[in-house]
């Protein structure tokens, strides 16, 4: 993430940047412990002016720090103390939500020693994503009820790096918490959905590092989202890109989309679910062929094999995915989560166990207001007005 962007994320830090040690960290890490106030020493005046120019140019900037906003008095080195004071004023606990000049912000305490607030989720005028470097995040649909994530590494054909997947996890968490969002669409560019994992990032890793750090474990985040996720695939969906698409619940493909698991050509195997999800989607024979040869299949072949549900012209696939998301979001969001859970269980349970689970979830819908509203609306021949309860 660029230096300016990281500094923007930390503009309301509550620890003063008053010595060369912190300035050195600012230079090396691209992040600062910067309070927007007179917290810099006179010798650092040039740094202060540069920071102010960057912050004042930020959308939604009000010139007000958290120290001013919440009457904290002075910058404090004890983050837990400061967070507690804010929490008391907001009536919240450790995970604080505040209305500020830049919108609704979820504040968390970073794991590293720098005493600053990490702006993980930032909503401004109904839009999320201004703080991300590798993805574009927005709301789509007539009712703004479809979350939208677009991979944004055009020079690398949207190759999946660790930072991109971390940002995606943050965006997905935000959409999960947003009660207005009923479905999520993930897409790339017309040239590439994602051309695989970032090989340069992986090249020099060793076994000990991968195993001890459980490398790629957090890449599975997409498959853990409870709300329906739709992949709109154009161009290349290779390796990690194909795995990312398969983590989604529905895949729409453009006519020129290509799918493959070419890891074998690099002397390795799929590591983010490719051998497992592909086999379940297209069967053992085709999955084995694709994994052992690295060959690609077209969108049409993918549809025939059951990997893709629909194929559209390249310039229409994203809009069609959003339309599908709108249709899903128009149903009971609560019951959609139940339905998704039941379908996914088919891949994990025996037929008897799956039927039992389905029956329990079906019975559970009778405890919801939306089930009653849906059936009543059907009998009265009107459109149901679901409340997600």
Protein backbone atom coordinates (compact mmCIF):
# COMPACT_ATOMS: atom_id res chain seq x y z
CA UNK A 1 0.00 0.00 0.00
CA UNK A 2 1.40 3.40 -0.95
CA UNK A 3 2.74 5.73 1.74
CA UNK A 4 0.06 8.37 1.25
CA UNK A 5 -2.75 5.86 1.52
CA UNK A 6 -1.39 4.35 4.72
CA UNK A 7 -0.88 7.77 6.23
CA UNK A 8 -4.47 8.61 5.38
CA UNK A 9 -5.61 5.52 7.27
CA UNK A 10 -3.77 6.72 10.33
CA UNK A 11 -4.59 10.39 10.31
CA UNK A 12 -6.37 10.20 13.64
CA UNK A 13 -3.69 8.35 15.55
CA UNK A 14 -3.48 9.16 19.23
CA UNK A 15 0.27 8.95 19.67
CA UNK A 16 2.47 11.93 18.74
CA UNK A 17 5.10 11.66 16.06
CA UNK A 18 7.74 13.70 17.82
CA UNK A 19 11.11 12.06 17.25
CA UNK A 20 13.34 10.63 14.57
CA UNK A 21 12.66 7.04 15.66
CA UNK A 22 9.01 7.32 14.70
CA UNK A 23 9.88 9.24 11.54
CA UNK A 24 12.24 6.41 10.61
CA UNK A 25 9.41 3.91 11.09
CA UNK A 26 7.17 6.15 9.00
CA UNK A 27 9.73 6.03 6.20
CA UNK A 28 10.41 2.29 6.38
CA UNK A 29 6.84 1.03 6.83
CA UNK A 30 4.92 3.76 5.07
CA UNK A 31 2.71 4.25 8.13
CA UNK A 32 2.78 6.92 10.75
CA UNK A 33 1.75 7.55 14.33
CA UNK A 34 0.40 10.93 13.39
CA UNK A 35 -2.02 13.03 15.36
CA UNK A 36 -3.53 15.82 13.26
CA UNK A 37 -2.63 18.49 15.78
CA UNK A 38 0.50 20.31 16.95
CA UNK A 39 2.22 17.08 17.90
CA UNK A 40 5.30 17.32 15.69
CA UNK A 41 8.42 19.09 16.87
CA UNK A 42 9.63 22.26 15.20
CA UNK A 43 12.43 20.39 13.43
CA UNK A 44 9.80 18.19 11.81
CA UNK A 45 7.80 21.13 10.49
CA UNK A 46 8.30 20.12 6.86
CA UNK A 47 6.95 16.65 7.57
CA UNK A 48 3.98 18.16 9.35
CA UNK A 49 3.15 20.44 6.40
CA UNK A 50 3.39 17.51 3.99
CA UNK A 51 1.05 15.41 6.13
CA UNK A 52 -1.43 18.25 6.48
CA UNK A 53 -1.54 18.78 2.72
CA UNK A 54 -2.28 15.09 2.19
CA UNK A 55 -4.94 14.91 4.86
CA UNK A 56 -6.73 18.11 3.85
CA UNK A 57 -7.05 16.76 0.33
CA UNK A 58 -8.80 13.62 1.59
CA UNK A 59 -12.52 13.22 0.81
CA UNK A 60 -14.71 14.03 3.78
CA UNK A 61 -11.90 15.67 5.75
CA UNK A 62 -13.21 17.90 8.52
CA UNK A 63 -9.95 18.95 10.17
CA UNK A 64 -11.09 17.35 13.41
CA UNK A 65 -9.02 14.69 15.16
CA UNK A 66 -10.36 12.03 17.51
CA UNK A 67 -8.79 13.93 20.38
CA UNK A 68 -11.02 16.89 19.51
CA UNK A 69 -14.01 14.79 18.49
CA UNK A 70 -14.26 12.89 21.74
CA UNK A 71 -12.80 15.43 24.15
CA UNK A 72 -9.86 13.27 25.12
CA UNK A 73 -7.78 16.24 26.19
CA UNK A 74 -4.32 15.22 25.05
CA UNK A 75 -2.69 12.47 22.98
CA UNK A 76 -2.21 9.36 25.07
CA UNK A 77 0.29 6.51 24.70
CA UNK A 78 -2.10 4.03 26.29
CA UNK A 79 -4.38 2.95 23.46
CA UNK A 80 -6.54 0.78 25.70
CA UNK A 81 -7.21 3.78 27.93
CA UNK A 82 -8.11 6.02 24.98
CA UNK A 83 -10.30 3.37 23.40
CA UNK A 84 -12.11 2.90 26.68
CA UNK A 85 -12.82 6.62 26.93
CA UNK A 86 -14.26 6.67 23.42
CA UNK A 87 -16.27 3.52 24.14
CA UNK A 88 -17.81 5.08 27.24
CA UNK A 89 -18.97 8.11 25.25
CA UNK A 90 -20.40 5.98 22.47
CA UNK A 91 -21.93 3.36 24.72
CA UNK A 92 -19.86 0.70 22.96
CA UNK A 93 -17.16 -1.72 24.01
CA UNK A 94 -13.84 -2.71 22.44
CA UNK A 95 -15.16 -2.72 18.89
CA UNK A 96 -16.19 0.90 18.48
CA UNK A 97 -18.42 2.40 15.80
CA UNK A 98 -18.39 6.16 15.51
CA UNK A 99 -20.01 8.75 13.28
CA UNK A 100 -17.29 11.09 12.07
CA UNK A 101 -16.56 13.41 9.20
CA UNK A 102 -15.61 10.49 6.98
CA UNK A 103 -18.59 8.31 7.75
CA UNK A 104 -19.19 5.24 9.88
CA UNK A 105 -15.86 3.80 11.00
CA UNK A 106 -15.09 0.56 12.77
CA UNK A 107 -12.01 1.07 14.94
CA UNK A 108 -9.79 -1.77 16.09
CA UNK A 109 -6.51 -1.89 17.96
CA UNK A 110 -3.62 -2.97 15.70
CA UNK A 111 -1.48 -5.93 16.70
CA UNK A 112 1.82 -4.13 16.24
CA UNK A 113 3.29 -1.70 18.74
CA UNK A 114 2.45 1.47 16.86
CA UNK A 115 -0.32 3.08 18.91
CA UNK A 116 -2.76 4.04 16.18
CA UNK A 117 -6.29 3.26 15.06
CA UNK A 118 -6.57 0.98 12.05
CA UNK A 119 -9.30 2.14 9.70
CA UNK A 120 -10.43 -1.27 8.42
CA UNK A 121 -13.94 -0.39 7.33
CA UNK A 122 -14.78 3.04 6.00
CA UNK A 123 -18.21 3.89 4.63
CA UNK A 124 -18.75 7.23 2.95
CA UNK A 125 -22.02 8.07 1.25
CA UNK A 126 -22.88 4.40 1.04
CA UNK A 127 -19.57 3.46 -0.58
CA UNK A 128 -16.76 1.36 0.80
CA UNK A 129 -13.27 0.95 -0.54
CA UNK A 130 -11.44 4.25 -0.60
CA UNK A 131 -8.72 2.78 1.62
CA UNK A 132 -8.01 -0.27 -0.53
CA UNK A 133 -5.13 -0.51 -2.98
CA UNK A 134 -5.82 -3.76 -4.83
CA UNK A 135 -9.63 -3.89 -4.95
CA UNK A 136 -12.49 -1.53 -5.76
CA UNK A 137 -15.48 -1.87 -3.45
CA UNK A 138 -18.93 -0.42 -4.01
CA UNK A 139 -22.67 -1.01 -3.71
CA UNK A 140 -24.70 -1.90 -6.78
CA UNK A 141 -28.33 -2.38 -7.70
CA UNK A 142 -31.34 -0.13 -7.75
CA UNK A 143 -31.66 -0.45 -3.98
CA UNK A 144 -27.90 -0.47 -3.37
CA UNK A 145 -28.29 -3.90 -1.78
CA UNK A 146 -25.61 -5.79 -3.71
CA UNK A 147 -22.03 -5.63 -2.47
CA UNK A 148 -19.50 -5.26 -5.27
CA UNK A 149 -15.80 -6.18 -5.18
CA UNK A 150 -13.60 -5.73 -8.25
CA UNK A 151 -10.02 -6.99 -8.31
CA UNK A 152 -7.80 -4.10 -9.34
CA UNK A 153 -4.27 -5.16 -10.27
CA UNK A 154 -4.44 -4.55 -14.03
CA UNK A 155 -0.68 -4.67 -14.66
CA UNK A 156 -0.49 -8.11 -13.02
CA UNK A 157 -3.71 -9.39 -14.65
CA UNK A 158 -5.28 -9.33 -11.18
CA UNK A 159 -2.81 -11.88 -9.80
CA UNK A 160 -3.80 -12.69 -6.23
CA UNK A 161 -1.29 -11.41 -3.71
CA UNK A 162 -1.52 -11.75 0.05
CA UNK A 163 -2.44 -8.09 0.53
CA UNK A 164 -5.24 -8.28 -2.05
CA UNK A 165 -6.77 -11.28 -0.30
CA UNK A 166 -6.48 -9.52 3.07
CA UNK A 167 -8.30 -6.49 1.65
CA UNK A 168 -10.97 -8.75 0.20
CA UNK A 169 -11.48 -10.35 3.59
CA UNK A 170 -11.97 -6.91 5.15
CA UNK A 171 -14.48 -5.90 2.47
CA UNK A 172 -16.39 -9.17 2.88
CA UNK A 173 -16.52 -8.68 6.65
CA UNK A 174 -17.99 -5.23 6.10
CA UNK A 175 -20.65 -6.56 3.72
CA UNK A 176 -21.48 -9.38 6.14
CA UNK A 177 -22.18 -6.82 8.86
CA UNK A 178 -24.21 -4.55 6.58
CA UNK A 179 -27.86 -5.51 6.98
CA UNK A 180 -28.80 -3.83 3.72
CA UNK A 181 -26.54 -6.07 1.62
CA UNK A 182 -28.22 -9.29 0.50
CA UNK A 183 -25.67 -10.63 -1.99
CA UNK A 184 -22.11 -9.95 -3.11
CA UNK A 185 -20.57 -9.90 -6.61
CA UNK A 186 -16.85 -10.47 -7.15
CA UNK A 187 -15.31 -9.68 -10.54
CA UNK A 188 -12.09 -8.65 -12.27
CA UNK A 189 -11.52 -7.00 -15.64
CA UNK A 190 -12.61 -8.05 -19.11
CA UNK A 191 -9.10 -9.35 -19.75
CA UNK A 192 -8.66 -11.27 -16.53
CA UNK A 193 -10.81 -12.26 -13.58
CA UNK A 194 -7.56 -13.35 -11.90
CA UNK A 195 -4.64 -14.90 -13.76
CA UNK A 196 -3.54 -16.88 -10.72
CA UNK A 197 -1.60 -16.30 -7.55
CA UNK A 198 1.29 -13.85 -7.52
CA UNK A 199 4.21 -16.19 -8.32
CA UNK A 200 6.82 -13.55 -7.49
CA UNK A 201 5.41 -13.41 -3.97
CA UNK A 202 5.64 -17.20 -3.62
CA UNK A 203 8.92 -17.87 -5.40
CA UNK A 204 11.30 -17.70 -2.45
CA UNK A 205 9.11 -19.23 0.24
CA UNK A 206 10.24 -22.46 1.88
CA UNK A 207 8.38 -25.35 3.47
CA UNK A 208 9.00 -24.25 7.05
CA UNK A 209 7.63 -20.77 6.35
CA UNK A 210 4.56 -22.06 4.49
CA UNK A 211 3.72 -24.76 7.02
CA UNK A 212 4.36 -22.78 10.19
CA UNK A 213 2.48 -19.75 8.84
CA UNK A 214 -0.33 -21.86 7.33
CA UNK A 215 0.20 -20.12 4.00
CA UNK A 216 -2.99 -19.33 2.02
CA UNK A 217 -5.26 -20.23 4.97
CA UNK A 218 -7.01 -16.85 4.95
CA UNK A 219 -7.61 -17.10 1.18
CA UNK A 220 -10.54 -19.35 2.04
CA UNK A 221 -12.48 -16.38 3.43
CA UNK A 222 -14.80 -16.14 0.42
CA UNK A 223 -16.16 -19.64 1.03
CA UNK A 224 -16.96 -18.79 4.66
CA UNK A 225 -19.19 -15.81 3.88
CA UNK A 226 -22.77 -16.57 4.88
CA UNK A 227 -24.38 -14.28 2.31
CA UNK A 228 -24.60 -15.49 -1.31
CA UNK A 229 -21.51 -14.64 -3.40
CA UNK A 230 -21.56 -14.48 -7.21
CA UNK A 231 -18.43 -14.58 -9.38
CA UNK A 232 -18.61 -12.64 -12.65
CA UNK A 233 -15.72 -14.09 -14.66
CA UNK A 234 -14.23 -12.54 -17.77
CA UNK A 235 -10.94 -13.52 -19.37
CA UNK A 236 -8.47 -15.62 -17.44
CA UNK A 237 -9.51 -17.51 -14.30
CA UNK A 238 -6.34 -19.54 -13.84
CA UNK A 239 -4.91 -21.25 -10.78
CA UNK A 240 -5.85 -19.15 -7.77
CA UNK A 241 -8.29 -17.22 -9.96
CA UNK A 242 -10.18 -20.41 -10.77
CA UNK A 243 -10.08 -21.38 -7.10
CA UNK A 244 -11.43 -17.95 -6.09
CA UNK A 245 -14.32 -18.33 -8.54
CA UNK A 246 -15.10 -21.80 -7.18
CA UNK A 247 -15.25 -20.42 -3.63
CA UNK A 248 -18.24 -18.36 -4.76
CA UNK A 249 -21.76 -19.80 -4.73
CA UNK A 250 -22.65 -18.97 -8.34
CA UNK A 251 -20.35 -18.45 -11.34
CA UNK A 252 -21.38 -16.38 -14.37
CA UNK A 253 -18.85 -16.36 -17.20
CA UNK A 254 -18.18 -14.16 -20.19
CA UNK A 255 -18.02 -15.87 -23.58
CA UNK A 256 -14.23 -15.58 -23.73
CA UNK A 257 -13.52 -16.70 -20.17
CA UNK A 258 -10.98 -19.47 -19.64
CA UNK A 259 -10.59 -21.72 -16.61
CA UNK A 260 -7.56 -23.78 -15.60
CA UNK A 261 -5.47 -25.16 -12.74
CA UNK A 262 -1.96 -24.87 -14.28
CA UNK A 263 0.03 -25.25 -11.04
CA UNK A 264 1.51 -28.53 -12.30
CA UNK A 265 3.45 -26.54 -14.91
CA UNK A 266 5.16 -24.66 -12.05
CA UNK A 267 6.14 -27.80 -10.19
CA UNK A 268 3.42 -27.59 -7.56
CA UNK A 269 -0.29 -28.32 -7.08
CA UNK A 270 -3.37 -26.18 -6.32
CA UNK A 271 -3.30 -24.96 -2.74
CA UNK A 272 -6.54 -23.03 -2.27
CA UNK A 273 -9.12 -25.76 -2.89
CA UNK A 274 -8.53 -26.48 -6.58
CA UNK A 275 -8.21 -30.26 -6.29
CA UNK A 276 -11.26 -30.47 -4.02
CA UNK A 277 -13.79 -27.99 -5.39
CA UNK A 278 -13.03 -28.68 -9.04
CA UNK A 279 -13.54 -32.42 -8.53
CA UNK A 280 -16.88 -31.83 -6.85
CA UNK A 281 -17.96 -29.43 -9.59
CA UNK A 282 -16.95 -31.32 -12.77
CA UNK A 283 -16.23 -34.89 -11.64
CA UNK A 284 -13.02 -36.85 -11.18
CA UNK A 285 -12.05 -37.46 -14.80
CA UNK A 286 -12.12 -33.86 -16.05
CA UNK A 287 -10.72 -32.50 -12.78
CA UNK A 288 -7.82 -34.97 -12.93
CA UNK A 289 -7.12 -34.04 -16.55
CA UNK A 290 -7.06 -30.31 -15.82
CA UNK A 291 -4.91 -30.65 -12.70
CA UNK A 292 -2.38 -33.04 -14.29
CA UNK A 293 -2.03 -31.26 -17.64
CA UNK A 294 -2.64 -27.61 -16.78
CA UNK A 295 -4.93 -27.36 -19.83
CA UNK A 296 -7.57 -24.65 -20.07
CA UNK A 297 -11.28 -25.00 -20.79
CA UNK A 298 -13.55 -22.39 -22.32
CA UNK A 299 -16.62 -20.84 -20.73
CA UNK A 300 -18.85 -23.05 -22.88
CA UNK A 301 -16.98 -26.19 -21.82
CA UNK A 302 -17.13 -25.06 -18.20
CA UNK A 303 -20.90 -24.65 -18.46
CA UNK A 304 -21.35 -28.10 -19.97
CA UNK A 305 -19.21 -29.57 -17.18
CA UNK A 306 -21.26 -27.86 -14.47
CA UNK A 307 -18.58 -25.43 -13.31
CA UNK A 308 -20.46 -22.36 -14.59
CA UNK A 309 -24.20 -21.75 -14.41
CA UNK A 310 -24.57 -19.19 -17.24
CA UNK A 311 -22.50 -17.69 -20.07
CA UNK A 312 -23.03 -14.12 -21.32
CA UNK A 313 -21.30 -11.72 -23.73
CA UNK A 314 -18.24 -10.25 -22.02
CA UNK A 315 -19.75 -6.77 -21.73
CA UNK A 316 -22.91 -8.09 -20.05
CA UNK A 317 -21.70 -10.66 -17.53
CA UNK A 318 -21.08 -8.22 -14.65
CA UNK A 319 -24.47 -6.55 -15.03
CA UNK A 320 -26.17 -9.94 -15.22
CA UNK A 321 -24.41 -11.01 -12.03
CA UNK A 322 -25.59 -7.81 -10.32
CA UNK A 323 -29.15 -8.51 -11.52
CA UNK A 324 -28.92 -11.97 -10.02
CA UNK A 325 -27.64 -10.44 -6.79
CA UNK A 326 -30.57 -8.01 -6.74
CA UNK A 327 -33.02 -10.88 -7.20
CA UNK A 328 -31.44 -12.77 -4.31
CA UNK A 329 -31.29 -9.66 -2.11
CA UNK A 330 -35.01 -9.13 -2.71
CA UNK A 331 -35.78 -12.34 -0.85
CA UNK A 332 -35.53 -12.85 2.90
CA UNK A 333 -31.83 -12.43 3.72
CA UNK A 334 -32.27 -14.64 6.77
CA UNK A 335 -33.82 -17.50 4.79
CA UNK A 336 -31.24 -17.10 2.00
CA UNK A 337 -28.53 -17.83 4.56
CA UNK A 338 -30.41 -20.96 5.60
CA UNK A 339 -30.83 -22.07 2.00
CA UNK A 340 -27.13 -21.55 1.25
CA UNK A 341 -26.17 -23.52 4.35
CA UNK A 342 -28.40 -26.41 3.29
CA UNK A 343 -27.00 -26.56 -0.26
CA UNK A 344 -23.39 -26.39 0.93
CA UNK A 345 -24.06 -29.23 3.36
CA UNK A 346 -24.62 -31.53 0.37
CA UNK A 347 -20.84 -31.45 -0.24
CA UNK A 348 -20.01 -32.45 3.32
CA UNK A 349 -22.73 -34.85 4.48
CA UNK A 350 -24.20 -38.16 3.43
CA UNK A 351 -27.60 -38.06 1.71
CA UNK A 352 -29.38 -39.14 4.91
CA UNK A 353 -27.54 -36.59 7.05
CA UNK A 354 -28.07 -33.87 4.48
CA UNK A 355 -31.80 -34.56 4.32
CA UNK A 356 -31.98 -34.42 8.10
CA UNK A 357 -30.22 -31.06 8.17
CA UNK A 358 -32.45 -29.72 5.40
CA UNK A 359 -35.55 -30.76 7.35
CA UNK A 360 -34.31 -29.00 10.49
CA UNK A 361 -33.60 -25.80 8.58
CA UNK A 362 -36.97 -26.06 6.83
CA UNK A 363 -38.69 -26.38 10.20
CA UNK A 364 -36.65 -23.43 11.48
CA UNK A 365 -38.10 -21.15 8.79
CA UNK A 366 -41.48 -21.54 10.52
CA UNK A 367 -40.06 -19.57 13.42
CA UNK A 368 -39.40 -16.55 11.19
CA UNK A 369 -41.65 -13.61 10.37
CA UNK A 370 -40.56 -13.83 6.73
CA UNK A 371 -41.93 -17.36 6.28
CA UNK A 372 -45.31 -16.19 7.57
CA UNK A 373 -45.22 -13.08 5.39
CA UNK A 374 -44.19 -15.04 2.29
CA UNK A 375 -46.99 -17.58 2.56
CA UNK A 376 -49.56 -14.95 3.51
CA UNK A 377 -48.56 -12.81 0.52
CA UNK A 378 -48.90 -15.84 -1.77
CA UNK A 379 -52.40 -16.61 -0.51
CA UNK A 380 -53.39 -12.94 -0.79
CA UNK A 381 -51.83 -12.73 -4.28
CA UNK A 382 -49.50 -9.84 -3.48
CA UNK A 383 -45.77 -9.32 -3.35
CA UNK A 384 -44.15 -10.29 -0.05
CA UNK A 385 -42.57 -7.55 2.05
CA UNK A 386 -39.76 -9.35 3.85
CA UNK A 387 -38.21 -7.82 6.96
CA UNK A 388 -35.32 -10.30 7.36
CA UNK A 389 -36.69 -11.47 10.69
